[in-house]
Amino acid sequence: MSRSFTLRHLHRILLVFINLLSTIPAVASDIREPGRDTSIIGEWEIKSVLDYATISVGEDQARSLIGKDLIISREKIELGSRVCSESSFLAESVETNIELRENARTNNDRLRLPNPVTVVELSCAYAYIRNKNRIVLAWNGVFFDAIRKKWPGPTTLPRQPSTGTR
């Protein structure tokens, strides 16, 4: 076996390895395990109340959460001053109207969810994923619109100012 053949072979293997690495998501929390979805981990802001289930907390209590932060992590879920234990992030793609009718006694008119929708079970709530930056949070019978504030990705260091010397 010639040396050039070995180097070419090694070069090809290295290129394949690099291509495989480039397909791994940059954010570890976006990796999906079968039956689980951790893509909702991050900081969110409650923007509005979209709807109420047949049985829910009062309107005043629900409206007091508008503008509050929702922090979803592997360890806990925080909504304002409320803290819930860690979640399993069990996820399922469901037919939207059937899910809402059977589990919340409501419909999709005000929620504007896609069909089908991915629903993620949290320890004290459910998150319906509209897209990567918007969810509908079902908490104590209230459906809240939440927008992502911060993605839990890798941090980047600030650029150093140029000193003008070389």
C-alpha atoms as a PDB file:
ATOM      1  CA  MET A   1       0.000   0.000   0.000  1.00  0.00           C
ATOM      2  CA  SER A   2       1.493   3.287  -1.038  1.00  0.00           C
ATOM      3  CA  ARG A   3       1.823   6.256   1.264  1.00  0.00           C
ATOM      4  CA  SER A   4      -0.229   8.511  -1.070  1.00  0.00           C
ATOM      5  CA  PHE A   5      -3.120   6.016  -1.062  1.00  0.00           C
ATOM      6  CA  THR A   6      -3.156   5.956   2.740  1.00  0.00           C
ATOM      7  CA  LEU A   7      -3.109   9.752   2.975  1.00  0.00           C
ATOM      8  CA  ARG A   8      -5.949  10.071   0.448  1.00  0.00           C
ATOM      9  CA  HIS A   9      -7.951   7.462   2.327  1.00  0.00           C
ATOM     10  CA  LEU A  10      -7.309   9.238   5.637  1.00  0.00           C
ATOM     11  CA  HIS A  11      -8.266  12.576   4.049  1.00  0.00           C
ATOM     12  CA  ARG A  12     -11.620  11.152   2.858  1.00  0.00           C
ATOM     13  CA  ILE A  13     -12.377   9.688   6.269  1.00  0.00           C
ATOM     14  CA  LEU A  14     -11.603  13.035   7.872  1.00  0.00           C
ATOM     15  CA  LEU A  15     -13.928  14.859   5.445  1.00  0.00           C
ATOM     16  CA  VAL A  16     -16.768  12.424   6.169  1.00  0.00           C
ATOM     17  CA  PHE A  17     -16.232  12.891   9.908  1.00  0.00           C
ATOM     18  CA  ILE A  18     -16.289  16.695   9.579  1.00  0.00           C
ATOM     19  CA  ASN A  19     -19.504  16.525   7.531  1.00  0.00           C
ATOM     20  CA  LEU A  20     -21.116  14.341  10.183  1.00  0.00           C
ATOM     21  CA  LEU A  21     -20.133  16.784  12.919  1.00  0.00           C
ATOM     22  CA  SER A  22     -21.614  19.685  10.985  1.00  0.00           C
ATOM     23  CA  THR A  23     -25.047  18.045  11.096  1.00  0.00           C
ATOM     24  CA  ILE A  24     -25.161  18.059  14.908  1.00  0.00           C
ATOM     25  CA  PRO A  25     -27.304  20.957  16.179  1.00  0.00           C
ATOM     26  CA  ALA A  26     -25.371  23.835  17.701  1.00  0.00           C
ATOM     27  CA  VAL A  27     -27.674  23.968  20.691  1.00  0.00           C
ATOM     28  CA  ALA A  28     -27.725  20.799  22.768  1.00  0.00           C
ATOM     29  CA  SER A  29     -31.213  21.527  24.101  1.00  0.00           C
ATOM     30  CA  ASP A  30     -32.622  21.263  20.592  1.00  0.00           C
ATOM     31  CA  ILE A  31     -31.623  17.609  20.328  1.00  0.00           C
ATOM     32  CA  ARG A  32     -34.746  15.521  20.333  1.00  0.00           C
ATOM     33  CA  GLU A  33     -34.959  12.211  22.079  1.00  0.00           C
ATOM     34  CA  PRO A  34     -37.714   9.842  20.958  1.00  0.00           C
ATOM     35  CA  GLY A  35     -40.940  10.953  22.622  1.00  0.00           C
ATOM     36  CA  ARG A  36     -39.350  14.038  24.205  1.00  0.00           C
ATOM     37  CA  ASP A  37     -38.931  17.630  23.051  1.00  0.00           C
ATOM     38  CA  THR A  38     -36.572  19.966  24.897  1.00  0.00           C
ATOM     39  CA  SER A  39     -36.566  22.637  22.192  1.00  0.00           C
ATOM     40  CA  ILE A  40     -38.732  24.820  24.453  1.00  0.00           C
ATOM     41  CA  ILE A  41     -36.018  25.165  27.086  1.00  0.00           C
ATOM     42  CA  GLY A  42     -35.201  28.848  27.475  1.00  0.00           C
ATOM     43  CA  GLU A  43     -36.604  32.170  28.641  1.00  0.00           C
ATOM     44  CA  TRP A  44     -40.051  33.250  27.470  1.00  0.00           C
ATOM     45  CA  GLU A  45     -42.325  36.209  28.146  1.00  0.00           C
ATOM     46  CA  ILE A  46     -46.051  35.826  28.734  1.00  0.00           C
ATOM     47  CA  LYS A  47     -47.629  38.258  26.253  1.00  0.00           C
ATOM     48  CA  SER A  48     -51.369  37.715  26.621  1.00  0.00           C
ATOM     49  CA  VAL A  49     -54.229  35.496  27.708  1.00  0.00           C
ATOM     50  CA  LEU A  50     -55.607  33.742  24.639  1.00  0.00           C
ATOM     51  CA  ASP A  51     -58.417  31.662  26.111  1.00  0.00           C
ATOM     52  CA  TYR A  52     -59.757  29.887  29.185  1.00  0.00           C
ATOM     53  CA  ALA A  53     -60.695  26.240  29.609  1.00  0.00           C
ATOM     54  CA  THR A  54     -64.057  25.411  31.178  1.00  0.00           C
ATOM     55  CA  ILE A  55     -62.370  25.187  34.585  1.00  0.00           C
ATOM     56  CA  SER A  56     -59.557  27.682  35.170  1.00  0.00           C
ATOM     57  CA  VAL A  57     -58.093  30.151  37.632  1.00  0.00           C
ATOM     58  CA  GLY A  58     -59.752  33.547  37.822  1.00  0.00           C
ATOM     59  CA  GLU A  59     -59.294  36.231  35.200  1.00  0.00           C
ATOM     60  CA  ASP A  60     -57.480  38.562  37.631  1.00  0.00           C
ATOM     61  CA  GLN A  61     -54.958  35.881  38.560  1.00  0.00           C
ATOM     62  CA  ALA A  62     -54.418  34.989  34.901  1.00  0.00           C
ATOM     63  CA  ARG A  63     -53.963  38.609  33.808  1.00  0.00           C
ATOM     64  CA  SER A  64     -51.455  39.197  36.625  1.00  0.00           C
ATOM     65  CA  LEU A  65     -49.059  36.883  34.765  1.00  0.00           C
ATOM     66  CA  ILE A  66     -48.993  38.984  31.572  1.00  0.00           C
ATOM     67  CA  GLY A  67     -45.500  40.408  31.126  1.00  0.00           C
ATOM     68  CA  LYS A  68     -43.989  37.866  33.533  1.00  0.00           C
ATOM     69  CA  ASP A  69     -41.061  35.649  32.619  1.00  0.00           C
ATOM     70  CA  LEU A  70     -41.523  31.962  31.966  1.00  0.00           C
ATOM     71  CA  ILE A  71     -38.253  30.087  32.442  1.00  0.00           C
ATOM     72  CA  ILE A  72     -38.177  26.506  31.238  1.00  0.00           C
ATOM     73  CA  SER A  73     -35.113  24.470  32.204  1.00  0.00           C
ATOM     74  CA  ARG A  74     -34.377  20.806  32.769  1.00  0.00           C
ATOM     75  CA  GLU A  75     -34.364  21.411  36.532  1.00  0.00           C
ATOM     76  CA  LYS A  76     -37.528  23.481  36.977  1.00  0.00           C
ATOM     77  CA  ILE A  77     -40.243  25.605  35.429  1.00  0.00           C
ATOM     78  CA  GLU A  78     -40.693  29.174  36.721  1.00  0.00           C
ATOM     79  CA  LEU A  79     -43.683  31.359  35.939  1.00  0.00           C
ATOM     80  CA  GLY A  80     -43.464  34.613  37.835  1.00  0.00           C
ATOM     81  CA  SER A  81     -43.083  33.570  41.480  1.00  0.00           C
ATOM     82  CA  ARG A  82     -44.423  30.060  40.857  1.00  0.00           C
ATOM     83  CA  VAL A  83     -41.854  27.246  40.653  1.00  0.00           C
ATOM     84  CA  CYS A  84     -42.555  23.691  39.509  1.00  0.00           C
ATOM     85  CA  SER A  85     -40.306  20.652  39.684  1.00  0.00           C
ATOM     86  CA  GLU A  86     -38.276  19.258  36.804  1.00  0.00           C
ATOM     87  CA  SER A  87     -40.177  18.008  33.763  1.00  0.00           C
ATOM     88  CA  SER A  88     -40.016  14.944  31.593  1.00  0.00           C
ATOM     89  CA  PHE A  89     -40.629  16.934  28.370  1.00  0.00           C
ATOM     90  CA  LEU A  90     -42.779  14.098  27.031  1.00  0.00           C
ATOM     91  CA  ALA A  91     -44.014  15.223  23.630  1.00  0.00           C
ATOM     92  CA  GLU A  92     -46.629  14.097  21.186  1.00  0.00           C
ATOM     93  CA  SER A  93     -47.886  15.350  17.860  1.00  0.00           C
ATOM     94  CA  VAL A  94     -51.674  15.532  18.071  1.00  0.00           C
ATOM     95  CA  GLU A  95     -54.644  16.641  16.005  1.00  0.00           C
ATOM     96  CA  THR A  96     -55.241  20.110  17.405  1.00  0.00           C
ATOM     97  CA  ASN A  97     -59.043  20.343  17.593  1.00  0.00           C
ATOM     98  CA  ILE A  98     -59.443  16.853  19.082  1.00  0.00           C
ATOM     99  CA  GLU A  99     -56.749  17.562  21.705  1.00  0.00           C
ATOM    100  CA  LEU A 100     -58.313  20.871  22.739  1.00  0.00           C
ATOM    101  CA  ARG A 101     -61.878  19.568  22.757  1.00  0.00           C
ATOM    102  CA  GLU A 102     -61.079  16.421  24.777  1.00  0.00           C
ATOM    103  CA  ASN A 103     -58.553  17.850  27.250  1.00  0.00           C
ATOM    104  CA  ALA A 104     -59.517  21.499  27.686  1.00  0.00           C
ATOM    105  CA  ARG A 105     -63.107  21.759  26.482  1.00  0.00           C
ATOM    106  CA  THR A 106     -62.110  24.572  24.132  1.00  0.00           C
ATOM    107  CA  ASN A 107     -61.275  25.000  20.440  1.00  0.00           C
ATOM    108  CA  ASN A 108     -58.516  26.453  18.306  1.00  0.00           C
ATOM    109  CA  ASP A 109     -60.290  29.676  17.263  1.00  0.00           C
ATOM    110  CA  ARG A 110     -58.371  31.948  19.666  1.00  0.00           C
ATOM    111  CA  LEU A 111     -55.211  29.858  20.073  1.00  0.00           C
ATOM    112  CA  ARG A 112     -54.270  29.754  16.365  1.00  0.00           C
ATOM    113  CA  LEU A 113     -52.189  26.581  16.743  1.00  0.00           C
ATOM    114  CA  PRO A 114     -50.908  24.605  13.757  1.00  0.00           C
ATOM    115  CA  ASN A 115     -52.505  21.274  12.912  1.00  0.00           C
ATOM    116  CA  PRO A 116     -51.112  18.884  13.938  1.00  0.00           C
ATOM    117  CA  VAL A 117     -49.455  20.482  16.952  1.00  0.00           C
ATOM    118  CA  THR A 118     -46.674  19.222  19.201  1.00  0.00           C
ATOM    119  CA  VAL A 119     -47.713  19.290  22.834  1.00  0.00           C
ATOM    120  CA  VAL A 120     -45.004  19.029  25.496  1.00  0.00           C
ATOM    121  CA  GLU A 121     -45.870  17.887  29.002  1.00  0.00           C
ATOM    122  CA  LEU A 122     -44.236  19.999  31.687  1.00  0.00           C
ATOM    123  CA  SER A 123     -44.468  19.272  35.407  1.00  0.00           C
ATOM    124  CA  CYS A 124     -47.257  21.815  36.002  1.00  0.00           C
ATOM    125  CA  ALA A 125     -48.367  22.871  32.530  1.00  0.00           C
ATOM    126  CA  TYR A 126     -48.504  21.964  28.857  1.00  0.00           C
ATOM    127  CA  ALA A 127     -46.722  23.788  26.054  1.00  0.00           C
ATOM    128  CA  TYR A 128     -48.200  23.765  22.558  1.00  0.00           C
ATOM    129  CA  ILE A 129     -45.499  24.648  20.047  1.00  0.00           C
ATOM    130  CA  ARG A 130     -46.522  27.208  17.430  1.00  0.00           C
ATOM    131  CA  ASN A 131     -42.969  27.625  16.147  1.00  0.00           C
ATOM    132  CA  LYS A 132     -39.454  27.768  17.607  1.00  0.00           C
ATOM    133  CA  ASN A 133     -40.045  31.251  19.062  1.00  0.00           C
ATOM    134  CA  ARG A 134     -43.684  31.064  20.134  1.00  0.00           C
ATOM    135  CA  ILE A 135     -45.660  28.677  22.324  1.00  0.00           C
ATOM    136  CA  VAL A 136     -49.093  28.529  23.873  1.00  0.00           C
ATOM    137  CA  LEU A 137     -48.766  27.654  27.553  1.00  0.00           C
ATOM    138  CA  ALA A 138     -51.714  25.880  29.179  1.00  0.00           C
ATOM    139  CA  TRP A 139     -51.451  26.566  32.908  1.00  0.00           C
ATOM    140  CA  ASN A 140     -54.279  26.071  35.425  1.00  0.00           C
ATOM    141  CA  GLY A 141     -56.874  26.165  32.655  1.00  0.00           C
ATOM    142  CA  VAL A 142     -55.562  29.364  31.065  1.00  0.00           C
ATOM    143  CA  PHE A 143     -53.943  29.500  27.635  1.00  0.00           C
ATOM    144  CA  PHE A 144     -51.163  32.083  27.464  1.00  0.00           C
ATOM    145  CA  ASP A 145     -49.295  33.354  24.423  1.00  0.00           C
ATOM    146  CA  ALA A 146     -45.546  33.232  25.139  1.00  0.00           C
ATOM    147  CA  ILE A 147     -42.667  34.560  23.037  1.00  0.00           C
ATOM    148  CA  ARG A 148     -39.071  33.386  23.346  1.00  0.00           C
ATOM    149  CA  LYS A 149     -36.803  35.980  24.971  1.00  0.00           C
ATOM    150  CA  LYS A 150     -33.577  34.063  25.124  1.00  0.00           C
ATOM    151  CA  TRP A 151     -32.359  30.890  23.471  1.00  0.00           C
ATOM    152  CA  PRO A 152     -30.150  28.758  25.759  1.00  0.00           C
ATOM    153  CA  GLY A 153     -27.411  28.469  23.161  1.00  0.00           C
ATOM    154  CA  PRO A 154     -23.692  28.872  23.500  1.00  0.00           C
ATOM    155  CA  THR A 155     -22.564  32.301  24.574  1.00  0.00           C
ATOM    156  CA  THR A 156     -20.193  34.278  22.436  1.00  0.00           C
ATOM    157  CA  LEU A 157     -17.482  36.488  23.784  1.00  0.00           C
ATOM    158  CA  PRO A 158     -17.659  40.180  22.902  1.00  0.00           C
ATOM    159  CA  ARG A 159     -15.228  41.354  20.264  1.00  0.00           C
ATOM    160  CA  GLN A 160     -12.150  43.061  21.608  1.00  0.00           C
ATOM    161  CA  PRO A 161     -11.813  46.698  20.516  1.00  0.00           C
ATOM    162  CA  SER A 162      -9.121  47.352  17.982  1.00  0.00           C
ATOM    163  CA  THR A 163      -6.085  49.131  19.407  1.00  0.00           C
ATOM    164  CA  GLY A 164      -4.934  50.394  16.037  1.00  0.00           C
ATOM    165  CA  THR A 165      -1.467  48.860  16.464  1.00  0.00           C
ATOM    166  CA  ARG A 166      -0.140  45.748  14.826  1.00  0.00           C
END
